[in-house]
C-alpha atoms as a PDB file:
ATOM      1  CA  UNK A   1      52.572  38.172 -14.787  1.00  0.00           C
ATOM      2  CA  UNK A   2      51.710  36.060 -17.780  1.00  0.00           C
ATOM      3  CA  UNK A   3      48.243  34.892 -18.761  1.00  0.00           C
ATOM      4  CA  UNK A   4      47.583  31.142 -18.812  1.00  0.00           C
ATOM      5  CA  UNK A   5      45.401  29.620 -21.510  1.00  0.00           C
ATOM      6  CA  UNK A   6      44.211  26.101 -22.148  1.00  0.00           C
ATOM      7  CA  UNK A   7      44.270  25.092 -25.806  1.00  0.00           C
ATOM      8  CA  UNK A   8      41.784  22.317 -26.614  1.00  0.00           C
ATOM      9  CA  UNK A   9      38.628  21.021 -24.988  1.00  0.00           C
ATOM     10  CA  UNK A  10      38.357  19.096 -21.733  1.00  0.00           C
ATOM     11  CA  UNK A  11      36.005  16.134 -21.861  1.00  0.00           C
ATOM     12  CA  UNK A  12      34.932  13.537 -19.319  1.00  0.00           C
ATOM     13  CA  UNK A  13      37.959  11.281 -19.805  1.00  0.00           C
ATOM     14  CA  UNK A  14      38.714   9.890 -16.384  1.00  0.00           C
ATOM     15  CA  UNK A  15      38.407   6.143 -17.081  1.00  0.00           C
ATOM     16  CA  UNK A  16      42.085   5.674 -17.941  1.00  0.00           C
ATOM     17  CA  UNK A  17      43.412   8.495 -15.783  1.00  0.00           C
ATOM     18  CA  UNK A  18      45.845   8.412 -12.890  1.00  0.00           C
ATOM     19  CA  UNK A  19      42.915   9.291 -10.604  1.00  0.00           C
ATOM     20  CA  UNK A  20      40.976   6.248 -11.862  1.00  0.00           C
ATOM     21  CA  UNK A  21      44.019   4.046 -11.336  1.00  0.00           C
ATOM     22  CA  UNK A  22      44.503   5.270  -7.768  1.00  0.00           C
ATOM     23  CA  UNK A  23      40.809   4.659  -6.996  1.00  0.00           C
ATOM     24  CA  UNK A  24      40.510   1.295  -8.755  1.00  0.00           C
ATOM     25  CA  UNK A  25      38.125   2.829 -11.292  1.00  0.00           C
ATOM     26  CA  UNK A  26      39.980   2.018 -14.508  1.00  0.00           C
ATOM     27  CA  UNK A  27      37.845   0.884 -17.392  1.00  0.00           C
ATOM     28  CA  UNK A  28      35.387   2.318 -19.840  1.00  0.00           C
ATOM     29  CA  UNK A  29      36.145   3.628 -23.288  1.00  0.00           C
ATOM     30  CA  UNK A  30      39.436   5.261 -24.203  1.00  0.00           C
ATOM     31  CA  UNK A  31      39.210   8.666 -25.893  1.00  0.00           C
ATOM     32  CA  UNK A  32      39.243   8.572 -29.671  1.00  0.00           C
ATOM     33  CA  UNK A  33      42.034  10.646 -31.160  1.00  0.00           C
ATOM     34  CA  UNK A  34      40.929  13.296 -33.641  1.00  0.00           C
ATOM     35  CA  UNK A  35      43.996  13.385 -35.869  1.00  0.00           C
ATOM     36  CA  UNK A  36      42.776  16.381 -37.874  1.00  0.00           C
ATOM     37  CA  UNK A  37      42.334  18.398 -34.675  1.00  0.00           C
ATOM     38  CA  UNK A  38      45.775  17.240 -33.491  1.00  0.00           C
ATOM     39  CA  UNK A  39      47.319  18.517 -36.731  1.00  0.00           C
ATOM     40  CA  UNK A  40      45.554  21.882 -36.308  1.00  0.00           C
ATOM     41  CA  UNK A  41      46.852  22.072 -32.726  1.00  0.00           C
ATOM     42  CA  UNK A  42      50.376  21.381 -33.977  1.00  0.00           C
ATOM     43  CA  UNK A  43      49.987  24.155 -36.575  1.00  0.00           C
ATOM     44  CA  UNK A  44      48.855  26.513 -33.811  1.00  0.00           C
ATOM     45  CA  UNK A  45      51.840  25.552 -31.639  1.00  0.00           C
ATOM     46  CA  UNK A  46      54.285  26.050 -34.505  1.00  0.00           C
ATOM     47  CA  UNK A  47      52.748  29.450 -35.315  1.00  0.00           C
ATOM     48  CA  UNK A  48      52.851  30.453 -31.647  1.00  0.00           C
ATOM     49  CA  UNK A  49      56.516  29.532 -31.427  1.00  0.00           C
ATOM     50  CA  UNK A  50      57.475  31.077 -34.765  1.00  0.00           C
ATOM     51  CA  UNK A  51      55.609  34.330 -34.052  1.00  0.00           C
ATOM     52  CA  UNK A  52      56.851  34.385 -30.442  1.00  0.00           C
ATOM     53  CA  UNK A  53      53.311  34.435 -29.024  1.00  0.00           C
ATOM     54  CA  UNK A  54      54.046  31.924 -26.260  1.00  0.00           C
ATOM     55  CA  UNK A  55      56.448  32.401 -23.394  1.00  0.00           C
ATOM     56  CA  UNK A  56      55.929  28.787 -22.296  1.00  0.00           C
ATOM     57  CA  UNK A  57      53.888  25.767 -23.355  1.00  0.00           C
ATOM     58  CA  UNK A  58      53.246  22.393 -21.715  1.00  0.00           C
ATOM     59  CA  UNK A  59      51.196  19.444 -22.939  1.00  0.00           C
ATOM     60  CA  UNK A  60      48.523  17.790 -20.826  1.00  0.00           C
ATOM     61  CA  UNK A  61      48.942  14.048 -20.565  1.00  0.00           C
ATOM     62  CA  UNK A  62      49.354  11.692 -17.630  1.00  0.00           C
ATOM     63  CA  UNK A  63      47.994  13.478 -14.581  1.00  0.00           C
ATOM     64  CA  UNK A  64      46.026  16.012 -16.631  1.00  0.00           C
ATOM     65  CA  UNK A  65      45.965  19.711 -15.840  1.00  0.00           C
ATOM     66  CA  UNK A  66      46.954  19.109 -12.214  1.00  0.00           C
ATOM     67  CA  UNK A  67      50.304  17.616 -13.263  1.00  0.00           C
ATOM     68  CA  UNK A  68      50.868  20.231 -15.961  1.00  0.00           C
ATOM     69  CA  UNK A  69      50.286  23.183 -13.633  1.00  0.00           C
ATOM     70  CA  UNK A  70      52.491  21.610 -10.969  1.00  0.00           C
ATOM     71  CA  UNK A  71      55.323  21.020 -13.432  1.00  0.00           C
ATOM     72  CA  UNK A  72      55.036  24.510 -14.932  1.00  0.00           C
ATOM     73  CA  UNK A  73      55.087  26.455 -11.661  1.00  0.00           C
ATOM     74  CA  UNK A  74      57.915  24.342 -10.252  1.00  0.00           C
ATOM     75  CA  UNK A  75      60.005  24.572 -13.414  1.00  0.00           C
ATOM     76  CA  UNK A  76      59.779  28.365 -13.543  1.00  0.00           C
ATOM     77  CA  UNK A  77      59.618  28.812  -9.737  1.00  0.00           C
ATOM     78  CA  UNK A  78      56.690  31.180 -10.177  1.00  0.00           C
ATOM     79  CA  UNK A  79      53.242  30.745  -8.707  1.00  0.00           C
ATOM     80  CA  UNK A  80      49.936  30.915 -10.538  1.00  0.00           C
ATOM     81  CA  UNK A  81      46.325  31.699  -9.783  1.00  0.00           C
ATOM     82  CA  UNK A  82      43.813  29.607 -11.715  1.00  0.00           C
ATOM     83  CA  UNK A  83      40.004  29.571 -11.821  1.00  0.00           C
ATOM     84  CA  UNK A  84      38.313  26.424 -13.151  1.00  0.00           C
ATOM     85  CA  UNK A  85      34.742  25.320 -13.655  1.00  0.00           C
ATOM     86  CA  UNK A  86      34.050  21.713 -12.634  1.00  0.00           C
ATOM     87  CA  UNK A  87      37.433  21.681 -10.916  1.00  0.00           C
ATOM     88  CA  UNK A  88      37.707  17.905 -10.382  1.00  0.00           C
ATOM     89  CA  UNK A  89      37.145  17.075 -14.035  1.00  0.00           C
ATOM     90  CA  UNK A  90      39.215  20.045 -15.196  1.00  0.00           C
ATOM     91  CA  UNK A  91      42.234  18.998 -13.114  1.00  0.00           C
ATOM     92  CA  UNK A  92      42.132  15.231 -13.625  1.00  0.00           C
ATOM     93  CA  UNK A  93      40.768  14.613 -17.127  1.00  0.00           C
ATOM     94  CA  UNK A  94      43.335  13.207 -19.514  1.00  0.00           C
ATOM     95  CA  UNK A  95      41.556  14.267 -22.703  1.00  0.00           C
ATOM     96  CA  UNK A  96      44.207  14.181 -25.444  1.00  0.00           C
ATOM     97  CA  UNK A  97      45.147  17.152 -27.600  1.00  0.00           C
ATOM     98  CA  UNK A  98      45.441  19.862 -24.943  1.00  0.00           C
ATOM     99  CA  UNK A  99      48.220  22.286 -24.081  1.00  0.00           C
ATOM    100  CA  UNK A 100      48.637  25.065 -21.513  1.00  0.00           C
ATOM    101  CA  UNK A 101      50.388  28.156 -22.838  1.00  0.00           C
ATOM    102  CA  UNK A 102      51.674  31.199 -20.990  1.00  0.00           C
ATOM    103  CA  UNK A 103      51.594  34.482 -22.868  1.00  0.00           C
ATOM    104  CA  UNK A 104      52.299  38.117 -22.231  1.00  0.00           C
ATOM    105  CA  UNK A 105      48.898  39.855 -22.043  1.00  0.00           C
ATOM    106  CA  UNK A 106      49.903  41.934 -25.077  1.00  0.00           C
ATOM    107  CA  UNK A 107      49.769  38.701 -27.148  1.00  0.00           C
ATOM    108  CA  UNK A 108      46.097  37.955 -26.373  1.00  0.00           C
ATOM    109  CA  UNK A 109      44.782  39.128 -29.759  1.00  0.00           C
ATOM    110  CA  UNK A 110      47.475  37.177 -31.633  1.00  0.00           C
ATOM    111  CA  UNK A 111      46.740  33.973 -29.679  1.00  0.00           C
ATOM    112  CA  UNK A 112      42.985  34.396 -30.115  1.00  0.00           C
ATOM    113  CA  UNK A 113      43.416  34.896 -33.860  1.00  0.00           C
ATOM    114  CA  UNK A 114      45.717  31.885 -34.298  1.00  0.00           C
ATOM    115  CA  UNK A 115      43.429  29.626 -32.231  1.00  0.00           C
ATOM    116  CA  UNK A 116      40.382  30.745 -34.228  1.00  0.00           C
ATOM    117  CA  UNK A 117      42.168  30.198 -37.544  1.00  0.00           C
ATOM    118  CA  UNK A 118      42.928  26.599 -36.524  1.00  0.00           C
ATOM    119  CA  UNK A 119      39.514  26.041 -34.915  1.00  0.00           C
ATOM    120  CA  UNK A 120      41.077  25.166 -31.551  1.00  0.00           C
ATOM    121  CA  UNK A 121      39.187  25.932 -28.336  1.00  0.00           C
ATOM    122  CA  UNK A 122      40.886  28.582 -26.200  1.00  0.00           C
ATOM    123  CA  UNK A 123      40.115  29.167 -22.521  1.00  0.00           C
ATOM    124  CA  UNK A 124      41.822  31.637 -20.208  1.00  0.00           C
ATOM    125  CA  UNK A 125      42.418  29.782 -16.948  1.00  0.00           C
ATOM    126  CA  UNK A 126      44.525  32.233 -14.945  1.00  0.00           C
ATOM    127  CA  UNK A 127      47.789  34.090 -14.616  1.00  0.00           C
ATOM    128  CA  UNK A 128      51.264  33.660 -13.184  1.00  0.00           C
ATOM    129  CA  UNK A 129      52.785  35.361 -10.177  1.00  0.00           C
ATOM    130  CA  UNK A 130      53.447  34.922  -6.501  1.00  0.00           C
ATOM    131  CA  UNK A 131      54.926  32.047  -4.543  1.00  0.00           C
ATOM    132  CA  UNK A 132      51.938  29.677  -4.469  1.00  0.00           C
ATOM    133  CA  UNK A 133      49.721  27.690  -6.803  1.00  0.00           C
ATOM    134  CA  UNK A 134      46.150  28.828  -6.174  1.00  0.00           C
ATOM    135  CA  UNK A 135      43.304  26.903  -7.787  1.00  0.00           C
ATOM    136  CA  UNK A 136      39.789  28.166  -7.018  1.00  0.00           C
ATOM    137  CA  UNK A 137      40.976  29.644  -3.709  1.00  0.00           C
ATOM    138  CA  UNK A 138      42.828  26.441  -2.656  1.00  0.00           C
ATOM    139  CA  UNK A 139      46.410  27.552  -2.043  1.00  0.00           C
ATOM    140  CA  UNK A 140      49.644  25.572  -1.782  1.00  0.00           C
ATOM    141  CA  UNK A 141      53.031  27.237  -1.490  1.00  0.00           C
ATOM    142  CA  UNK A 142      55.650  26.345  -4.084  1.00  0.00           C
ATOM    143  CA  UNK A 143      57.856  25.100  -1.250  1.00  0.00           C
ATOM    144  CA  UNK A 144      55.193  22.668  -0.058  1.00  0.00           C
ATOM    145  CA  UNK A 145      54.301  21.683  -3.625  1.00  0.00           C
ATOM    146  CA  UNK A 146      57.954  21.000  -4.518  1.00  0.00           C
ATOM    147  CA  UNK A 147      58.391  18.882  -1.414  1.00  0.00           C
ATOM    148  CA  UNK A 148      55.293  16.797  -2.207  1.00  0.00           C
ATOM    149  CA  UNK A 149      56.313  16.508  -5.871  1.00  0.00           C
ATOM    150  CA  UNK A 150      59.894  15.396  -5.242  1.00  0.00           C
ATOM    151  CA  UNK A 151      59.720  13.475  -1.963  1.00  0.00           C
ATOM    152  CA  UNK A 152      56.616  11.306  -2.351  1.00  0.00           C
ATOM    153  CA  UNK A 153      58.108   8.443  -4.400  1.00  0.00           C
ATOM    154  CA  UNK A 154      61.350   8.169  -2.387  1.00  0.00           C
ATOM    155  CA  UNK A 155      59.319   8.153   0.830  1.00  0.00           C
ATOM    156  CA  UNK A 156      56.976   5.445  -0.485  1.00  0.00           C
ATOM    157  CA  UNK A 157      59.497   3.280  -2.303  1.00  0.00           C
ATOM    158  CA  UNK A 158      62.834   4.041  -0.647  1.00  0.00           C
END
């Protein structure tokens, strides 16, 4: 399988998140964009694409890492096993300027070098494979995940 890495740092940005909206907790201070860091992240992404380091890449935005992982495994119909510290914050934070990349393990040194040269945090979060999304030993089959992902809105709103 491929190794999954998170580019960028996760901070405590839940106030404007989908989770906060669903739990009537919206409010607080919006994250401040670091435009210099964003430009360095873009340079890293361009280098990764140009040098064929990445097999796949997906931004983190609305829904945070939980939405990104769901969309990635469903798009490629391949499971993943992920280990996260502070799993609630890690999955739901909507800190801007983050991307998940999938790489062949042989590209680890190249990714590490590019991330270091752009001063972008790099965290290995897991690997791809199988027919389920597993996060810290919580397992959901891709079939069940696809059903929840595609049938929830029609069921709620007709």
